[in-house]
Amino acid sequence: MSQLLAGKTALVMGIANKWSIAYAIAQAFSREGAQLILTYLDDHQKDAIETLSKDLKVTKVLPCNVTSDEQIAALVASLEGIQLDIVVHALAFANREDLSKPFVETSRAGFALAHDVSAYSLVAIARATAPLMAHGGSLMTLTYLGSTRVVQNYNVMGVAKAALEATVRYLANDLGPKNIRVNAISAGVVKTTSARGIKDLSTMLNAVPDKAPLRRNTDPAEVADTAVFLASDLGRGVTGNTIFVDAGMQILA
C-alpha cells in the first residue's frame, strides 16, 4: 500500500451518503493513510455521517452549514490546534424547481441560493481554513462540464459551477504565496443524490457509454484517486486547474 497521504489531516465537506463522490474521496484518503474530519449539514444528517465514518480513519464529525458564517466560525473553533493539510469542498445546491424549468425562468432567490452554496461557500471555507494550513496544503472542489457548455436541464447549476471554477483560479492566486494549492475536479455524470435533482439524469447516464471516448460512465473511485493525487505531494505543482475525470466527454463537441 502506497500511503500517499500518511501523516496528513483532511477536512471533507459534502458527504451525503455512501453514493456521494465526497464519500469515495474520503474512502480513498483513508486508504492512503490520511486522518479525516467530516462535516454534516444538520441533525437530520448527523447519524448517517457518523455511521459512514466508522469504516474510515475519522477523528471528528462536526456540523457546518456553509450558508452561515457563524457555523463556519464554530467549525474552525472546533479545529483549534489541528493542522490541516487538505480541504475537500464537495458542496452544491439549487432548488429543484430551478433545475426543472428553462434557465431564463430562474428566480432571483434561486440564483442567489445556488451561487451562495455552490460557489461563494468555497471562498468562505478557504478564508476560514487557510490559517489552519500553516505549512501549505491542498484545497479542492467538484465541478461539472455544464460550467462551460450548455447541458440540458443543468440550468442555474451550470452558471454556479462556472462561478466556482473562476473562484478556484482567483483563490489559487491569492493563496499560492502560502503554498496552498486550489483546484477543481470536473467529474462525469455520477448517480448521486444531488444529481438526481437534474431532470432526465437516467437519459444522460445511458447516453455516455455510446459517446464517451472510454465508452463508459465515470466511476466515483476514479474521481477519488484524482483527489488523492491533488492532495498528495505528487500534485505539488498543480494549482488553479480544473482536471477532467469524465471518461473523455469534455473533448466532444
C-alpha atoms as a PDB file:
ATOM      1  CA  MET A   1       0.000   0.000   0.000  1.00  0.00           C
ATOM      2  CA  SER A   2       1.419   3.368  -1.038  1.00  0.00           C
ATOM      3  CA  GLN A   3       0.133   5.507   1.883  1.00  0.00           C
ATOM      4  CA  LEU A   4       0.466   8.692  -0.177  1.00  0.00           C
ATOM      5  CA  LEU A   5      -1.334  10.734   2.480  1.00  0.00           C
ATOM      6  CA  ALA A   6       0.233   9.299   5.617  1.00  0.00           C
ATOM      7  CA  GLY A   7       0.623  11.944   8.299  1.00  0.00           C
ATOM      8  CA  LYS A   8      -1.866  14.314   6.657  1.00  0.00           C
ATOM      9  CA  THR A   9      -5.206  15.535   8.010  1.00  0.00           C
ATOM     10  CA  ALA A  10      -8.107  16.182   5.644  1.00  0.00           C
ATOM     11  CA  LEU A  11     -11.347  18.070   6.166  1.00  0.00           C
ATOM     12  CA  VAL A  12     -14.005  16.565   3.875  1.00  0.00           C
ATOM     13  CA  MET A  13     -17.203  18.555   3.449  1.00  0.00           C
ATOM     14  CA  GLY A  14     -20.212  17.402   1.481  1.00  0.00           C
ATOM     15  CA  ILE A  15     -20.773  13.705   2.127  1.00  0.00           C
ATOM     16  CA  ALA A  16     -24.487  12.994   1.829  1.00  0.00           C
ATOM     17  CA  ASN A  17     -24.485   9.173   1.743  1.00  0.00           C
ATOM     18  CA  LYS A  18     -22.402   6.213   0.556  1.00  0.00           C
ATOM     19  CA  TRP A  19     -23.056   7.111  -3.095  1.00  0.00           C
ATOM     20  CA  SER A  20     -21.532  10.586  -2.754  1.00  0.00           C
ATOM     21  CA  ILE A  21     -18.358  11.399  -4.655  1.00  0.00           C
ATOM     22  CA  ALA A  22     -17.210  13.004  -1.403  1.00  0.00           C
ATOM     23  CA  TYR A  23     -17.568   9.635   0.338  1.00  0.00           C
ATOM     24  CA  ALA A  24     -15.488   7.943  -2.377  1.00  0.00           C
ATOM     25  CA  ILE A  25     -12.844  10.631  -1.799  1.00  0.00           C
ATOM     26  CA  ALA A  26     -12.949  10.051   1.961  1.00  0.00           C
ATOM     27  CA  GLN A  27     -12.501   6.303   1.384  1.00  0.00           C
ATOM     28  CA  ALA A  28      -9.501   6.900  -0.876  1.00  0.00           C
ATOM     29  CA  PHE A  29      -7.937   9.341   1.589  1.00  0.00           C
ATOM     30  CA  SER A  30      -8.412   6.873   4.423  1.00  0.00           C
ATOM     31  CA  ARG A  31      -6.883   4.095   2.302  1.00  0.00           C
ATOM     32  CA  GLU A  32      -3.844   6.300   1.694  1.00  0.00           C
ATOM     33  CA  GLY A  33      -3.321   6.979   5.390  1.00  0.00           C
ATOM     34  CA  ALA A  34      -4.946  10.380   5.978  1.00  0.00           C
ATOM     35  CA  GLN A  35      -6.784  11.237   9.177  1.00  0.00           C
ATOM     36  CA  LEU A  36     -10.240  12.606   8.372  1.00  0.00           C
ATOM     37  CA  ILE A  37     -12.557  15.241   9.765  1.00  0.00           C
ATOM     38  CA  LEU A  38     -16.058  15.095   8.286  1.00  0.00           C
ATOM     39  CA  THR A  39     -18.875  17.629   8.384  1.00  0.00           C
ATOM     40  CA  TYR A  40     -22.624  17.228   8.225  1.00  0.00           C
ATOM     41  CA  LEU A  41     -25.315  19.749   7.368  1.00  0.00           C
ATOM     42  CA  ASP A  42     -27.768  19.317  10.253  1.00  0.00           C
ATOM     43  CA  ASP A  43     -29.002  16.886  12.909  1.00  0.00           C
ATOM     44  CA  HIS A  44     -31.067  15.052  10.310  1.00  0.00           C
ATOM     45  CA  GLN A  45     -27.835  14.043   8.555  1.00  0.00           C
ATOM     46  CA  LYS A  46     -25.655  13.541  11.613  1.00  0.00           C
ATOM     47  CA  ASP A  47     -26.416   9.864  12.279  1.00  0.00           C
ATOM     48  CA  ALA A  48     -25.823   8.888   8.650  1.00  0.00           C
ATOM     49  CA  ILE A  49     -22.416  10.586   8.542  1.00  0.00           C
ATOM     50  CA  GLU A  50     -21.382   9.089  11.880  1.00  0.00           C
ATOM     51  CA  THR A  51     -22.350   5.639  10.593  1.00  0.00           C
ATOM     52  CA  LEU A  52     -20.322   6.089   7.416  1.00  0.00           C
ATOM     53  CA  SER A  53     -17.349   7.344   9.424  1.00  0.00           C
ATOM     54  CA  LYS A  54     -16.991   4.009  11.238  1.00  0.00           C
ATOM     55  CA  ASP A  55     -15.263   2.449   8.235  1.00  0.00           C
ATOM     56  CA  LEU A  56     -12.844   5.364   7.828  1.00  0.00           C
ATOM     57  CA  LYS A  57      -9.978   6.941   9.756  1.00  0.00           C
ATOM     58  CA  VAL A  58     -12.158   9.703  11.199  1.00  0.00           C
ATOM     59  CA  THR A  59     -11.129  11.757  14.212  1.00  0.00           C
ATOM     60  CA  LYS A  60     -14.025  14.239  14.281  1.00  0.00           C
ATOM     61  CA  VAL A  61     -17.533  14.609  12.849  1.00  0.00           C
ATOM     62  CA  LEU A  62     -18.691  18.226  13.061  1.00  0.00           C
ATOM     63  CA  PRO A  63     -21.723  20.287  11.977  1.00  0.00           C
ATOM     64  CA  CYS A  64     -21.421  23.003   9.357  1.00  0.00           C
ATOM     65  CA  ASN A  65     -23.991  24.757   7.226  1.00  0.00           C
ATOM     66  CA  VAL A  66     -21.850  26.820   4.852  1.00  0.00           C
ATOM     67  CA  THR A  67     -24.573  29.412   4.337  1.00  0.00           C
ATOM     68  CA  SER A  68     -23.940  30.505   7.939  1.00  0.00           C
ATOM     69  CA  ASP A  69     -20.789  32.469   8.795  1.00  0.00           C
ATOM     70  CA  GLU A  70     -21.435  31.643  12.436  1.00  0.00           C
ATOM     71  CA  GLN A  71     -21.371  27.895  11.763  1.00  0.00           C
ATOM     72  CA  ILE A  72     -18.190  28.201   9.703  1.00  0.00           C
ATOM     73  CA  ALA A  73     -16.591  30.105  12.589  1.00  0.00           C
ATOM     74  CA  ALA A  74     -17.755  27.409  15.023  1.00  0.00           C
ATOM     75  CA  LEU A  75     -16.254  24.721  12.782  1.00  0.00           C
ATOM     76  CA  VAL A  76     -12.881  26.463  12.785  1.00  0.00           C
ATOM     77  CA  ALA A  77     -13.061  26.882  16.568  1.00  0.00           C
ATOM     78  CA  SER A  78     -13.615  23.124  16.857  1.00  0.00           C
ATOM     79  CA  LEU A  79     -10.438  22.570  14.838  1.00  0.00           C
ATOM     80  CA  GLU A  80      -8.230  24.701  17.095  1.00  0.00           C
ATOM     81  CA  GLY A  81      -4.825  23.129  17.484  1.00  0.00           C
ATOM     82  CA  ILE A  82      -5.220  20.932  14.400  1.00  0.00           C
ATOM     83  CA  GLN A  83      -3.027  21.402  11.352  1.00  0.00           C
ATOM     84  CA  LEU A  84      -4.999  20.833   8.168  1.00  0.00           C
ATOM     85  CA  ASP A  85      -3.262  19.612   5.033  1.00  0.00           C
ATOM     86  CA  ILE A  86      -6.267  19.016   2.792  1.00  0.00           C
ATOM     87  CA  VAL A  87      -9.739  20.525   2.443  1.00  0.00           C
ATOM     88  CA  VAL A  88     -12.350  18.981   0.164  1.00  0.00           C
ATOM     89  CA  HIS A  89     -15.292  21.223  -0.758  1.00  0.00           C
ATOM     90  CA  ALA A  90     -17.925  18.930  -2.290  1.00  0.00           C
ATOM     91  CA  LEU A  91     -20.902  21.214  -1.771  1.00  0.00           C
ATOM     92  CA  ALA A  92     -23.563  22.333  -4.231  1.00  0.00           C
ATOM     93  CA  PHE A  93     -27.269  23.042  -4.172  1.00  0.00           C
ATOM     94  CA  ALA A  94     -30.019  24.517  -6.322  1.00  0.00           C
ATOM     95  CA  ASN A  95     -33.762  24.487  -5.877  1.00  0.00           C
ATOM     96  CA  ARG A  96     -35.335  21.603  -7.747  1.00  0.00           C
ATOM     97  CA  GLU A  97     -37.777  23.953  -9.483  1.00  0.00           C
ATOM     98  CA  ASP A  98     -34.859  25.967 -10.858  1.00  0.00           C
ATOM     99  CA  LEU A  99     -33.428  22.802 -12.392  1.00  0.00           C
ATOM    100  CA  SER A 100     -36.704  21.622 -13.887  1.00  0.00           C
ATOM    101  CA  LYS A 101     -37.667  24.701 -15.880  1.00  0.00           C
ATOM    102  CA  PRO A 102     -35.831  26.797 -18.513  1.00  0.00           C
ATOM    103  CA  PHE A 103     -32.857  28.772 -17.198  1.00  0.00           C
ATOM    104  CA  VAL A 104     -34.471  32.044 -18.260  1.00  0.00           C
ATOM    105  CA  GLU A 105     -37.145  31.401 -15.639  1.00  0.00           C
ATOM    106  CA  THR A 106     -34.677  31.116 -12.761  1.00  0.00           C
ATOM    107  CA  SER A 107     -35.841  33.153  -9.797  1.00  0.00           C
ATOM    108  CA  ARG A 108     -33.651  35.824  -8.225  1.00  0.00           C
ATOM    109  CA  ALA A 109     -33.727  33.945  -4.917  1.00  0.00           C
ATOM    110  CA  GLY A 110     -32.941  30.634  -6.616  1.00  0.00           C
ATOM    111  CA  PHE A 111     -29.986  32.142  -8.492  1.00  0.00           C
ATOM    112  CA  ALA A 112     -28.605  33.657  -5.288  1.00  0.00           C
ATOM    113  CA  LEU A 113     -29.025  30.417  -3.319  1.00  0.00           C
ATOM    114  CA  ALA A 114     -27.296  28.279  -5.947  1.00  0.00           C
ATOM    115  CA  HIS A 115     -24.332  30.649  -6.059  1.00  0.00           C
ATOM    116  CA  ASP A 116     -24.142  31.018  -2.281  1.00  0.00           C
ATOM    117  CA  VAL A 117     -23.978  27.282  -1.591  1.00  0.00           C
ATOM    118  CA  SER A 118     -22.155  26.146  -4.727  1.00  0.00           C
ATOM    119  CA  ALA A 119     -19.611  28.930  -5.278  1.00  0.00           C
ATOM    120  CA  TYR A 120     -19.333  31.532  -2.516  1.00  0.00           C
ATOM    121  CA  SER A 121     -19.021  28.827   0.131  1.00  0.00           C
ATOM    122  CA  LEU A 122     -15.623  27.910  -1.336  1.00  0.00           C
ATOM    123  CA  VAL A 123     -14.440  31.459  -0.660  1.00  0.00           C
ATOM    124  CA  ALA A 124     -15.766  31.325   2.900  1.00  0.00           C
ATOM    125  CA  ILE A 125     -14.215  27.929   3.605  1.00  0.00           C
ATOM    126  CA  ALA A 126     -10.884  28.921   2.060  1.00  0.00           C
ATOM    127  CA  ARG A 127     -10.719  32.085   4.165  1.00  0.00           C
ATOM    128  CA  ALA A 128     -11.615  30.176   7.339  1.00  0.00           C
ATOM    129  CA  THR A 129      -9.300  27.198   6.879  1.00  0.00           C
ATOM    130  CA  ALA A 130      -6.219  28.825   5.328  1.00  0.00           C
ATOM    131  CA  PRO A 131      -4.838  29.815   8.772  1.00  0.00           C
ATOM    132  CA  LEU A 132      -5.014  26.127   9.759  1.00  0.00           C
ATOM    133  CA  MET A 133      -2.825  25.189   6.770  1.00  0.00           C
ATOM    134  CA  ALA A 134       0.281  26.914   8.099  1.00  0.00           C
ATOM    135  CA  HIS A 135       2.615  24.600   6.200  1.00  0.00           C
ATOM    136  CA  GLY A 136       0.660  24.760   2.977  1.00  0.00           C
ATOM    137  CA  GLY A 137      -1.790  22.250   1.619  1.00  0.00           C
ATOM    138  CA  SER A 138      -4.405  21.373  -0.971  1.00  0.00           C
ATOM    139  CA  LEU A 139      -7.916  22.769  -1.307  1.00  0.00           C
ATOM    140  CA  MET A 140     -10.168  21.161  -3.901  1.00  0.00           C
ATOM    141  CA  THR A 141     -13.738  21.295  -5.107  1.00  0.00           C
ATOM    142  CA  LEU A 142     -16.001  19.427  -7.537  1.00  0.00           C
ATOM    143  CA  THR A 143     -17.420  20.816 -10.748  1.00  0.00           C
ATOM    144  CA  TYR A 144     -19.013  19.588 -13.982  1.00  0.00           C
ATOM    145  CA  LEU A 145     -18.865  20.162 -17.744  1.00  0.00           C
ATOM    146  CA  GLY A 146     -22.090  22.191 -17.576  1.00  0.00           C
ATOM    147  CA  SER A 147     -19.936  25.079 -16.364  1.00  0.00           C
ATOM    148  CA  THR A 148     -18.587  25.723 -19.853  1.00  0.00           C
ATOM    149  CA  ARG A 149     -21.190  24.075 -22.092  1.00  0.00           C
ATOM    150  CA  VAL A 150     -24.955  24.134 -22.152  1.00  0.00           C
ATOM    151  CA  VAL A 151     -26.104  20.836 -20.675  1.00  0.00           C
ATOM    152  CA  GLN A 152     -29.816  20.249 -20.926  1.00  0.00           C
ATOM    153  CA  ASN A 153     -31.575  20.706 -17.558  1.00  0.00           C
ATOM    154  CA  TYR A 154     -28.377  21.699 -15.684  1.00  0.00           C
ATOM    155  CA  ASN A 155     -29.516  25.320 -15.838  1.00  0.00           C
ATOM    156  CA  VAL A 156     -28.606  27.539 -12.868  1.00  0.00           C
ATOM    157  CA  MET A 157     -26.208  24.932 -11.521  1.00  0.00           C
ATOM    158  CA  GLY A 158     -24.103  25.267 -14.665  1.00  0.00           C
ATOM    159  CA  VAL A 159     -23.836  29.008 -14.116  1.00  0.00           C
ATOM    160  CA  ALA A 160     -22.954  28.461 -10.459  1.00  0.00           C
ATOM    161  CA  LYS A 161     -20.273  25.945 -11.423  1.00  0.00           C
ATOM    162  CA  ALA A 162     -18.806  28.489 -13.856  1.00  0.00           C
ATOM    163  CA  ALA A 163     -18.548  30.912 -10.939  1.00  0.00           C
ATOM    164  CA  LEU A 164     -16.996  28.138  -8.841  1.00  0.00           C
ATOM    165  CA  GLU A 165     -14.279  27.494 -11.421  1.00  0.00           C
ATOM    166  CA  ALA A 166     -13.452  31.204 -11.634  1.00  0.00           C
ATOM    167  CA  THR A 167     -13.327  31.227  -7.833  1.00  0.00           C
ATOM    168  CA  VAL A 168     -10.762  28.410  -7.936  1.00  0.00           C
ATOM    169  CA  ARG A 169      -8.475  30.469 -10.148  1.00  0.00           C
ATOM    170  CA  TYR A 170      -8.669  33.610  -8.019  1.00  0.00           C
ATOM    171  CA  LEU A 171      -8.183  31.672  -4.790  1.00  0.00           C
ATOM    172  CA  ALA A 172      -5.201  29.842  -6.287  1.00  0.00           C
ATOM    173  CA  ASN A 173      -3.603  33.219  -6.967  1.00  0.00           C
ATOM    174  CA  ASP A 174      -4.385  34.591  -3.510  1.00  0.00           C
ATOM    175  CA  LEU A 175      -3.303  31.501  -1.568  1.00  0.00           C
ATOM    176  CA  GLY A 176      -0.317  30.460  -3.675  1.00  0.00           C
ATOM    177  CA  PRO A 177       2.152  32.523  -1.612  1.00  0.00           C
ATOM    178  CA  LYS A 178       1.056  30.461   1.400  1.00  0.00           C
ATOM    179  CA  ASN A 179       1.780  27.256  -0.556  1.00  0.00           C
ATOM    180  CA  ILE A 180      -1.922  26.381  -0.592  1.00  0.00           C
ATOM    181  CA  ARG A 181      -2.969  24.876  -3.913  1.00  0.00           C
ATOM    182  CA  VAL A 182      -6.552  25.247  -5.128  1.00  0.00           C
ATOM    183  CA  ASN A 183      -8.021  23.034  -7.843  1.00  0.00           C
ATOM    184  CA  ALA A 184     -11.286  21.640  -9.162  1.00  0.00           C
ATOM    185  CA  ILE A 185     -12.124  18.163 -10.407  1.00  0.00           C
ATOM    186  CA  SER A 186     -14.718  18.092 -13.173  1.00  0.00           C
ATOM    187  CA  ALA A 187     -16.364  14.718 -12.727  1.00  0.00           C
ATOM    188  CA  GLY A 188     -18.502  12.981 -15.288  1.00  0.00           C
ATOM    189  CA  VAL A 189     -22.152  12.204 -14.627  1.00  0.00           C
ATOM    190  CA  VAL A 190     -22.459  10.071 -11.499  1.00  0.00           C
ATOM    191  CA  LYS A 191     -25.750   8.937  -9.964  1.00  0.00           C
ATOM    192  CA  THR A 192     -25.521  10.804  -6.669  1.00  0.00           C
ATOM    193  CA  THR A 193     -28.324  12.186  -4.521  1.00  0.00           C
ATOM    194  CA  SER A 194     -27.714  15.739  -5.739  1.00  0.00           C
ATOM    195  CA  ALA A 195     -27.515  14.641  -9.372  1.00  0.00           C
ATOM    196  CA  ARG A 196     -30.944  13.035  -9.093  1.00  0.00           C
ATOM    197  CA  GLY A 197     -32.357  16.559  -8.896  1.00  0.00           C
ATOM    198  CA  ILE A 198     -31.445  17.002 -12.574  1.00  0.00           C
ATOM    199  CA  LYS A 199     -34.306  16.152 -14.904  1.00  0.00           C
ATOM    200  CA  ASP A 200     -33.657  13.162 -17.206  1.00  0.00           C
ATOM    201  CA  LEU A 201     -30.492  12.113 -15.343  1.00  0.00           C
ATOM    202  CA  SER A 202     -31.027   8.490 -16.387  1.00  0.00           C
ATOM    203  CA  THR A 203     -31.069   9.542 -20.040  1.00  0.00           C
ATOM    204  CA  MET A 204     -27.730  11.302 -19.563  1.00  0.00           C
ATOM    205  CA  LEU A 205     -26.205   8.262 -17.855  1.00  0.00           C
ATOM    206  CA  ASN A 206     -27.442   5.910 -20.558  1.00  0.00           C
ATOM    207  CA  ALA A 207     -26.077   8.103 -23.348  1.00  0.00           C
ATOM    208  CA  VAL A 208     -22.496   8.423 -22.070  1.00  0.00           C
ATOM    209  CA  PRO A 209     -21.273   4.855 -22.873  1.00  0.00           C
ATOM    210  CA  ASP A 210     -22.202   5.388 -26.519  1.00  0.00           C
ATOM    211  CA  LYS A 211     -20.423   8.751 -26.779  1.00  0.00           C
ATOM    212  CA  ALA A 212     -17.530   8.984 -24.333  1.00  0.00           C
ATOM    213  CA  PRO A 213     -14.067   8.110 -25.707  1.00  0.00           C
ATOM    214  CA  LEU A 214     -13.696   5.472 -22.975  1.00  0.00           C
ATOM    215  CA  ARG A 215     -17.204   4.161 -23.789  1.00  0.00           C
ATOM    216  CA  ARG A 216     -18.322   4.035 -20.178  1.00  0.00           C
ATOM    217  CA  ASN A 217     -19.603   6.185 -17.354  1.00  0.00           C
ATOM    218  CA  THR A 218     -17.408   7.737 -14.688  1.00  0.00           C
ATOM    219  CA  ASP A 219     -16.576   5.656 -11.627  1.00  0.00           C
ATOM    220  CA  PRO A 220     -16.539   7.701  -8.384  1.00  0.00           C
ATOM    221  CA  ALA A 221     -13.346   5.841  -7.425  1.00  0.00           C
ATOM    222  CA  GLU A 222     -11.600   7.445 -10.423  1.00  0.00           C
ATOM    223  CA  VAL A 223     -12.550  10.883  -9.175  1.00  0.00           C
ATOM    224  CA  ALA A 224     -11.356   9.918  -5.706  1.00  0.00           C
ATOM    225  CA  ASP A 225      -7.955   8.778  -6.964  1.00  0.00           C
ATOM    226  CA  THR A 226      -7.521  12.096  -8.762  1.00  0.00           C
ATOM    227  CA  ALA A 227      -8.315  13.805  -5.458  1.00  0.00           C
ATOM    228  CA  VAL A 228      -5.559  11.715  -3.841  1.00  0.00           C
ATOM    229  CA  PHE A 229      -3.121  12.963  -6.491  1.00  0.00           C
ATOM    230  CA  LEU A 230      -4.083  16.594  -5.850  1.00  0.00           C
ATOM    231  CA  ALA A 231      -3.888  16.108  -2.080  1.00  0.00           C
ATOM    232  CA  SER A 232      -0.519  14.372  -2.150  1.00  0.00           C
ATOM    233  CA  ASP A 233       2.977  15.646  -2.848  1.00  0.00           C
ATOM    234  CA  LEU A 234       2.615  14.226  -6.361  1.00  0.00           C
ATOM    235  CA  GLY A 235       0.358  17.194  -7.142  1.00  0.00           C
ATOM    236  CA  ARG A 236       2.609  19.793  -5.534  1.00  0.00           C
ATOM    237  CA  GLY A 237       3.000  21.800  -8.751  1.00  0.00           C
ATOM    238  CA  VAL A 238      -0.666  21.873  -9.728  1.00  0.00           C
ATOM    239  CA  THR A 239      -2.886  24.815  -8.812  1.00  0.00           C
ATOM    240  CA  GLY A 240      -5.660  26.876 -10.356  1.00  0.00           C
ATOM    241  CA  ASN A 241      -6.693  23.998 -12.610  1.00  0.00           C
ATOM    242  CA  THR A 242      -9.837  22.103 -13.491  1.00  0.00           C
ATOM    243  CA  ILE A 243      -8.969  18.449 -14.041  1.00  0.00           C
ATOM    244  CA  PHE A 244     -11.491  16.404 -16.011  1.00  0.00           C
ATOM    245  CA  VAL A 245     -12.328  12.887 -14.865  1.00  0.00           C
ATOM    246  CA  ASP A 246     -15.251  12.135 -17.167  1.00  0.00           C
ATOM    247  CA  ALA A 247     -14.233   9.280 -19.497  1.00  0.00           C
ATOM    248  CA  GLY A 248     -13.249  11.946 -22.045  1.00  0.00           C
ATOM    249  CA  MET A 249     -16.636  13.599 -22.508  1.00  0.00           C
ATOM    250  CA  GLN A 250     -15.097  17.092 -22.353  1.00  0.00           C
ATOM    251  CA  ILE A 251     -13.325  16.665 -25.706  1.00  0.00           C
ATOM    252  CA  LEU A 252     -16.547  16.070 -27.627  1.00  0.00           C
ATOM    253  CA  ALA A 253     -18.475  18.810 -29.376  1.00  0.00           C
END
